[in-house]
Amino acid sequence: MTDLGKTLVLLGALVVVVGLVLILVGKTNLPLGRLPGDIRVTGDGWTIYAPIATSIVLSVLLTVVLSLVAWARR
């Protein structure tokens, strides 16, 4: 049970950190979600949103950050 408790605390802390990052990114006027290549189709009472370019940018950034962390741990 101790391992489960530690895992839940870690996941909770991770959710808090991700939430804080999202709040800060929302206040910086970065165009994430509004990049060229993000697809938005609206109709009568419905919206389909596919953030393709934003997903690619975030994927590249996370890959670089995690690669640097892995390199630093060696």
PDB file of N, CA and C in Angstrom:
ATOM      1  N   MET A   1       0.810  -1.201   0.000  1.00  0.00           N
ATOM      2  CA  MET A   1       0.000   0.000   0.000  1.00  0.00           C
ATOM      3  C   MET A   1       0.855   1.267   0.000  1.00  0.00           C
ATOM      4  N   THR A   2       2.047   1.177   0.527  1.00  0.00           N
ATOM      5  CA  THR A   2       2.922   2.340   0.571  1.00  0.00           C
ATOM      6  C   THR A   2       3.297   2.797  -0.833  1.00  0.00           C
ATOM      7  N   ASP A   3       3.584   1.831  -1.707  1.00  0.00           N
ATOM      8  CA  ASP A   3       3.930   2.194  -3.088  1.00  0.00           C
ATOM      9  C   ASP A   3       2.761   2.856  -3.797  1.00  0.00           C
ATOM     10  N   LEU A   4       1.554   2.361  -3.564  1.00  0.00           N
ATOM     11  CA  LEU A   4       0.362   2.959  -4.174  1.00  0.00           C
ATOM     12  C   LEU A   4       0.184   4.388  -3.682  1.00  0.00           C
ATOM     13  N   GLY A   5       0.392   4.614  -2.398  1.00  0.00           N
ATOM     14  CA  GLY A   5       0.273   5.970  -1.842  1.00  0.00           C
ATOM     15  C   GLY A   5       1.280   6.921  -2.445  1.00  0.00           C
ATOM     16  N   LYS A   6       2.512   6.464  -2.593  1.00  0.00           N
ATOM     17  CA  LYS A   6       3.546   7.309  -3.197  1.00  0.00           C
ATOM     18  C   LYS A   6       3.218   7.622  -4.650  1.00  0.00           C
ATOM     19  N   THR A   7       2.702   6.624  -5.354  1.00  0.00           N
ATOM     20  CA  THR A   7       2.336   6.838  -6.755  1.00  0.00           C
ATOM     21  C   THR A   7       1.206   7.850  -6.876  1.00  0.00           C
ATOM     22  N   LEU A   8       0.216   7.746  -6.014  1.00  0.00           N
ATOM     23  CA  LEU A   8      -0.900   8.700  -6.061  1.00  0.00           C
ATOM     24  C   LEU A   8      -0.456  10.117  -5.711  1.00  0.00           C
ATOM     25  N   VAL A   9       0.440  10.248  -4.753  1.00  0.00           N
ATOM     26  CA  VAL A   9       0.961  11.579  -4.405  1.00  0.00           C
ATOM     27  C   VAL A   9       1.740  12.152  -5.576  1.00  0.00           C
ATOM     28  N   LEU A  10       2.552  11.324  -6.230  1.00  0.00           N
ATOM     29  CA  LEU A  10       3.323  11.783  -7.384  1.00  0.00           C
ATOM     30  C   LEU A  10       2.406  12.203  -8.524  1.00  0.00           C
ATOM     31  N   LEU A  11       1.384  11.407  -8.803  1.00  0.00           N
ATOM     32  CA  LEU A  11       0.436  11.767  -9.866  1.00  0.00           C
ATOM     33  C   LEU A  11      -0.316  13.049  -9.525  1.00  0.00           C
ATOM     34  N   GLY A  12      -0.687  13.229  -8.268  1.00  0.00           N
ATOM     35  CA  GLY A  12      -1.358  14.454  -7.850  1.00  0.00           C
ATOM     36  C   GLY A  12      -0.471  15.675  -8.019  1.00  0.00           C
ATOM     37  N   ALA A  13       0.798  15.537  -7.647  1.00  0.00           N
ATOM     38  CA  ALA A  13       1.735  16.644  -7.816  1.00  0.00           C
ATOM     39  C   ALA A  13       1.938  16.956  -9.292  1.00  0.00           C
ATOM     40  N   LEU A  14       1.984  15.916 -10.117  1.00  0.00           N
ATOM     41  CA  LEU A  14       2.134  16.119 -11.555  1.00  0.00           C
ATOM     42  C   LEU A  14       0.928  16.857 -12.133  1.00  0.00           C
ATOM     43  N   VAL A  15      -0.265  16.518 -11.691  1.00  0.00           N
ATOM     44  CA  VAL A  15      -1.472  17.200 -12.169  1.00  0.00           C
ATOM     45  C   VAL A  15      -1.451  18.668 -11.756  1.00  0.00           C
ATOM     46  N   VAL A  16      -1.008  18.947 -10.538  1.00  0.00           N
ATOM     47  CA  VAL A  16      -0.924  20.337 -10.077  1.00  0.00           C
ATOM     48  C   VAL A  16       0.080  21.120 -10.917  1.00  0.00           C
ATOM     49  N   VAL A  17       1.235  20.541 -11.193  1.00  0.00           N
ATOM     50  CA  VAL A  17       2.251  21.226 -11.986  1.00  0.00           C
ATOM     51  C   VAL A  17       1.746  21.492 -13.398  1.00  0.00           C
ATOM     52  N   VAL A  18       1.121  20.496 -14.008  1.00  0.00           N
ATOM     53  CA  VAL A  18       0.580  20.677 -15.364  1.00  0.00           C
ATOM     54  C   VAL A  18      -0.495  21.766 -15.356  1.00  0.00           C
ATOM     55  N   GLY A  19      -1.338  21.790 -14.346  1.00  0.00           N
ATOM     56  CA  GLY A  19      -2.360  22.828 -14.241  1.00  0.00           C
ATOM     57  C   GLY A  19      -1.762  24.222 -14.118  1.00  0.00           C
ATOM     58  N   LEU A  20      -0.727  24.351 -13.298  1.00  0.00           N
ATOM     59  CA  LEU A  20      -0.075  25.649 -13.157  1.00  0.00           C
ATOM     60  C   LEU A  20       0.595  26.093 -14.455  1.00  0.00           C
ATOM     61  N   VAL A  21       1.214  25.159 -15.157  1.00  0.00           N
ATOM     62  CA  VAL A  21       1.831  25.495 -16.439  1.00  0.00           C
ATOM     63  C   VAL A  21       0.774  25.960 -17.430  1.00  0.00           C
ATOM     64  N   LEU A  22      -0.362  25.281 -17.473  1.00  0.00           N
ATOM     65  CA  LEU A  22      -1.434  25.686 -18.388  1.00  0.00           C
ATOM     66  C   LEU A  22      -1.977  27.075 -18.043  1.00  0.00           C
ATOM     67  N   ILE A  23      -2.091  27.378 -16.770  1.00  0.00           N
ATOM     68  CA  ILE A  23      -2.551  28.705 -16.351  1.00  0.00           C
ATOM     69  C   ILE A  23      -1.543  29.770 -16.796  1.00  0.00           C
ATOM     70  N   LEU A  24      -0.250  29.503 -16.580  1.00  0.00           N
ATOM     71  CA  LEU A  24       0.775  30.473 -16.962  1.00  0.00           C
ATOM     72  C   LEU A  24       0.861  30.647 -18.471  1.00  0.00           C
ATOM     73  N   VAL A  25       0.740  29.559 -19.221  1.00  0.00           N
ATOM     74  CA  VAL A  25       0.780  29.654 -20.685  1.00  0.00           C
ATOM     75  C   VAL A  25      -0.423  30.443 -21.194  1.00  0.00           C
ATOM     76  N   GLY A  26      -1.565  30.278 -20.552  1.00  0.00           N
ATOM     77  CA  GLY A  26      -2.759  31.014 -20.959  1.00  0.00           C
ATOM     78  C   GLY A  26      -2.623  32.519 -20.761  1.00  0.00           C
ATOM     79  N   LYS A  27      -1.808  32.930 -19.812  1.00  0.00           N
ATOM     80  CA  LYS A  27      -1.632  34.353 -19.538  1.00  0.00           C
ATOM     81  C   LYS A  27      -0.515  34.998 -20.354  1.00  0.00           C
ATOM     82  N   THR A  28       0.266  34.213 -21.092  1.00  0.00           N
ATOM     83  CA  THR A  28       1.407  34.768 -21.818  1.00  0.00           C
ATOM     84  C   THR A  28       1.078  35.136 -23.258  1.00  0.00           C
ATOM     85  N   ASN A  29      -0.117  34.932 -23.690  1.00  0.00           N
ATOM     86  CA  ASN A  29      -0.560  35.235 -25.057  1.00  0.00           C
ATOM     87  C   ASN A  29       0.217  34.465 -26.118  1.00  0.00           C
ATOM     88  N   LEU A  30       0.725  33.282 -25.765  1.00  0.00           N
ATOM     89  CA  LEU A  30       1.335  32.416 -26.777  1.00  0.00           C
ATOM     90  C   LEU A  30       0.232  31.900 -27.699  1.00  0.00           C
ATOM     91  N   PRO A  31       0.527  31.739 -28.976  1.00  0.00           N
ATOM     92  CA  PRO A  31      -0.531  31.334 -29.908  1.00  0.00           C
ATOM     93  C   PRO A  31      -0.812  29.834 -29.917  1.00  0.00           C
ATOM     94  N   LEU A  32      -0.472  29.126 -28.826  1.00  0.00           N
ATOM     95  CA  LEU A  32      -0.757  27.695 -28.796  1.00  0.00           C
ATOM     96  C   LEU A  32      -2.259  27.476 -28.914  1.00  0.00           C
ATOM     97  N   GLY A  33      -2.632  26.629 -29.848  1.00  0.00           N
ATOM     98  CA  GLY A  33      -4.040  26.390 -30.121  1.00  0.00           C
ATOM     99  C   GLY A  33      -4.573  27.251 -31.252  1.00  0.00           C
ATOM    100  N   ARG A  34      -3.780  28.228 -31.663  1.00  0.00           N
ATOM    101  CA  ARG A  34      -4.189  29.117 -32.758  1.00  0.00           C
ATOM    102  C   ARG A  34      -3.106  29.202 -33.829  1.00  0.00           C
ATOM    103  N   LEU A  35      -2.266  28.175 -33.908  1.00  0.00           N
ATOM    104  CA  LEU A  35      -1.185  28.161 -34.893  1.00  0.00           C
ATOM    105  C   LEU A  35      -1.736  27.841 -36.278  1.00  0.00           C
ATOM    106  N   PRO A  36      -1.031  28.278 -37.322  1.00  0.00           N
ATOM    107  CA  PRO A  36      -1.412  27.840 -38.660  1.00  0.00           C
ATOM    108  C   PRO A  36      -1.244  26.315 -38.726  1.00  0.00           C
ATOM    109  N   GLY A  37      -2.240  25.636 -39.173  1.00  0.00           N
ATOM    110  CA  GLY A  37      -2.218  24.184 -39.189  1.00  0.00           C
ATOM    111  C   GLY A  37      -3.153  23.582 -38.167  1.00  0.00           C
ATOM    112  N   ASP A  38      -3.628  24.391 -37.231  1.00  0.00           N
ATOM    113  CA  ASP A  38      -4.665  23.940 -36.310  1.00  0.00           C
ATOM    114  C   ASP A  38      -5.999  24.057 -37.031  1.00  0.00           C
ATOM    115  N   ILE A  39      -6.733  22.966 -37.065  1.00  0.00           N
ATOM    116  CA  ILE A  39      -7.968  22.915 -37.844  1.00  0.00           C
ATOM    117  C   ILE A  39      -9.164  23.108 -36.921  1.00  0.00           C
ATOM    118  N   ARG A  40     -10.040  24.011 -37.328  1.00  0.00           N
ATOM    119  CA  ARG A  40     -11.269  24.262 -36.577  1.00  0.00           C
ATOM    120  C   ARG A  40     -12.423  24.355 -37.568  1.00  0.00           C
ATOM    121  N   VAL A  41     -13.388  23.476 -37.401  1.00  0.00           N
ATOM    122  CA  VAL A  41     -14.566  23.456 -38.266  1.00  0.00           C
ATOM    123  C   VAL A  41     -15.785  23.675 -37.375  1.00  0.00           C
ATOM    124  N   THR A  42     -16.553  24.719 -37.684  1.00  0.00           N
ATOM    125  CA  THR A  42     -17.750  25.001 -36.895  1.00  0.00           C
ATOM    126  C   THR A  42     -18.977  24.886 -37.781  1.00  0.00           C
ATOM    127  N   GLY A  43     -20.015  24.451 -37.174  1.00  0.00           N
ATOM    128  CA  GLY A  43     -21.284  24.339 -37.879  1.00  0.00           C
ATOM    129  C   GLY A  43     -22.396  24.858 -36.998  1.00  0.00           C
ATOM    130  N   ASP A  44     -23.589  24.475 -37.290  1.00  0.00           N
ATOM    131  CA  ASP A  44     -24.761  24.933 -36.543  1.00  0.00           C
ATOM    132  C   ASP A  44     -24.846  24.180 -35.215  1.00  0.00           C
ATOM    133  N   GLY A  45     -24.261  24.760 -34.180  1.00  0.00           N
ATOM    134  CA  GLY A  45     -24.320  24.166 -32.851  1.00  0.00           C
ATOM    135  C   GLY A  45     -23.249  23.132 -32.565  1.00  0.00           C
ATOM    136  N   TRP A  46     -22.240  23.008 -33.397  1.00  0.00           N
ATOM    137  CA  TRP A  46     -21.164  22.053 -33.149  1.00  0.00           C
ATOM    138  C   TRP A  46     -19.832  22.620 -33.630  1.00  0.00           C
ATOM    139  N   THR A  47     -18.761  22.120 -33.033  1.00  0.00           N
ATOM    140  CA  THR A  47     -17.415  22.536 -33.392  1.00  0.00           C
ATOM    141  C   THR A  47     -16.492  21.315 -33.330  1.00  0.00           C
ATOM    142  N   ILE A  48     -15.670  21.178 -34.344  1.00  0.00           N
ATOM    143  CA  ILE A  48     -14.631  20.155 -34.349  1.00  0.00           C
ATOM    144  C   ILE A  48     -13.300  20.889 -34.365  1.00  0.00           C
ATOM    145  N   TYR A  49     -12.429  20.535 -33.425  1.00  0.00           N
ATOM    146  CA  TYR A  49     -11.154  21.216 -33.297  1.00  0.00           C
ATOM    147  C   TYR A  49     -10.042  20.182 -33.295  1.00  0.00           C
ATOM    148  N   ALA A  50      -9.064  20.318 -34.178  1.00  0.00           N
ATOM    149  CA  ALA A  50      -7.918  19.421 -34.263  1.00  0.00           C
ATOM    150  C   ALA A  50      -6.636  20.251 -34.225  1.00  0.00           C
ATOM    151  N   PRO A  51      -6.003  20.361 -33.066  1.00  0.00           N
ATOM    152  CA  PRO A  51      -4.791  21.195 -32.940  1.00  0.00           C
ATOM    153  C   PRO A  51      -3.542  20.460 -33.444  1.00  0.00           C
ATOM    154  N   ILE A  52      -3.448  20.252 -34.734  1.00  0.00           N
ATOM    155  CA  ILE A  52      -2.357  19.459 -35.310  1.00  0.00           C
ATOM    156  C   ILE A  52      -1.007  20.161 -35.131  1.00  0.00           C
ATOM    157  N   ALA A  53      -0.898  21.404 -35.520  1.00  0.00           N
ATOM    158  CA  ALA A  53       0.377  22.132 -35.418  1.00  0.00           C
ATOM    159  C   ALA A  53       0.786  22.308 -33.963  1.00  0.00           C
ATOM    160  N   THR A  54      -0.145  22.614 -33.097  1.00  0.00           N
ATOM    161  CA  THR A  54       0.157  22.763 -31.683  1.00  0.00           C
ATOM    162  C   THR A  54       0.660  21.444 -31.107  1.00  0.00           C
ATOM    163  N   SER A  55       0.057  20.337 -31.500  1.00  0.00           N
ATOM    164  CA  SER A  55       0.498  19.024 -31.020  1.00  0.00           C
ATOM    165  C   SER A  55       1.922  18.724 -31.467  1.00  0.00           C
ATOM    166  N   ILE A  56       2.250  19.072 -32.685  1.00  0.00           N
ATOM    167  CA  ILE A  56       3.607  18.833 -33.189  1.00  0.00           C
ATOM    168  C   ILE A  56       4.617  19.685 -32.430  1.00  0.00           C
ATOM    169  N   VAL A  57       4.305  20.949 -32.218  1.00  0.00           N
ATOM    170  CA  VAL A  57       5.216  21.839 -31.493  1.00  0.00           C
ATOM    171  C   VAL A  57       5.430  21.338 -30.067  1.00  0.00           C
ATOM    172  N   LEU A  58       4.368  20.976 -29.372  1.00  0.00           N
ATOM    173  CA  LEU A  58       4.494  20.477 -28.002  1.00  0.00           C
ATOM    174  C   LEU A  58       5.255  19.156 -27.960  1.00  0.00           C
ATOM    175  N   SER A  59       5.049  18.313 -28.939  1.00  0.00           N
ATOM    176  CA  SER A  59       5.770  17.044 -29.004  1.00  0.00           C
ATOM    177  C   SER A  59       7.265  17.264 -29.159  1.00  0.00           C
ATOM    178  N   VAL A  60       7.650  18.181 -30.036  1.00  0.00           N
ATOM    179  CA  VAL A  60       9.075  18.476 -30.228  1.00  0.00           C
ATOM    180  C   VAL A  60       9.673  19.070 -28.955  1.00  0.00           C
ATOM    181  N   LEU A  61       8.966  20.000 -28.323  1.00  0.00           N
ATOM    182  CA  LEU A  61       9.472  20.606 -27.090  1.00  0.00           C
ATOM    183  C   LEU A  61       9.633  19.575 -25.979  1.00  0.00           C
ATOM    184  N   LEU A  62       8.648  18.712 -25.794  1.00  0.00           N
ATOM    185  CA  LEU A  62       8.748  17.686 -24.759  1.00  0.00           C
ATOM    186  C   LEU A  62       9.852  16.687 -25.062  1.00  0.00           C
ATOM    187  N   THR A  63      10.044  16.357 -26.333  1.00  0.00           N
ATOM    188  CA  THR A  63      11.125  15.449 -26.708  1.00  0.00           C
ATOM    189  C   THR A  63      12.479  16.054 -26.362  1.00  0.00           C
ATOM    190  N   VAL A  64      12.656  17.328 -26.660  1.00  0.00           N
ATOM    191  CA  VAL A  64      13.925  18.000 -26.349  1.00  0.00           C
ATOM    192  C   VAL A  64      14.144  18.048 -24.837  1.00  0.00           C
ATOM    193  N   VAL A  65      13.129  18.444 -24.095  1.00  0.00           N
ATOM    194  CA  VAL A  65      13.264  18.556 -22.637  1.00  0.00           C
ATOM    195  C   VAL A  65      13.567  17.195 -22.014  1.00  0.00           C
ATOM    196  N   LEU A  66      12.816  16.166 -22.400  1.00  0.00           N
ATOM    197  CA  LEU A  66      13.039  14.840 -21.824  1.00  0.00           C
ATOM    198  C   LEU A  66      14.382  14.254 -22.255  1.00  0.00           C
ATOM    199  N   SER A  67      14.837  14.558 -23.454  1.00  0.00           N
ATOM    200  CA  SER A  67      16.155  14.108 -23.896  1.00  0.00           C
ATOM    201  C   SER A  67      17.255  14.777 -23.069  1.00  0.00           C
ATOM    202  N   LEU A  68      17.090  16.063 -22.795  1.00  0.00           N
ATOM    203  CA  LEU A  68      18.065  16.765 -21.962  1.00  0.00           C
ATOM    204  C   LEU A  68      18.084  16.213 -20.537  1.00  0.00           C
ATOM    205  N   VAL A  69      16.920  15.895 -19.995  1.00  0.00           N
ATOM    206  CA  VAL A  69      16.844  15.314 -18.647  1.00  0.00           C
ATOM    207  C   VAL A  69      17.521  13.943 -18.645  1.00  0.00           C
ATOM    208  N   ALA A  70      17.245  13.119 -19.644  1.00  0.00           N
ATOM    209  CA  ALA A  70      17.872  11.798 -19.722  1.00  0.00           C
ATOM    210  C   ALA A  70      19.388  11.922 -19.889  1.00  0.00           C
ATOM    211  N   TRP A  71      19.830  12.886 -20.692  1.00  0.00           N
ATOM    212  CA  TRP A  71      21.266  13.094 -20.892  1.00  0.00           C
ATOM    213  C   TRP A  71      21.928  13.552 -19.584  1.00  0.00           C
ATOM    214  N   ALA A  72      21.257  14.428 -18.837  1.00  0.00           N
ATOM    215  CA  ALA A  72      21.816  14.953 -17.592  1.00  0.00           C
ATOM    216  C   ALA A  72      21.886  13.880 -16.512  1.00  0.00           C
ATOM    217  N   ARG A  73      21.019  12.885 -16.574  1.00  0.00           N
ATOM    218  CA  ARG A  73      21.015  11.824 -15.560  1.00  0.00           C
ATOM    219  C   ARG A  73      22.098  10.786 -15.784  1.00  0.00           C
ATOM    220  N   ARG A  74      22.692  10.770 -16.993  1.00  0.00           N
ATOM    221  CA  ARG A  74      23.759   9.775 -17.273  1.00  0.00           C
ATOM    222  C   ARG A  74      25.016  10.084 -16.552  1.00  0.00           C
TER     223      ARG A  74
END
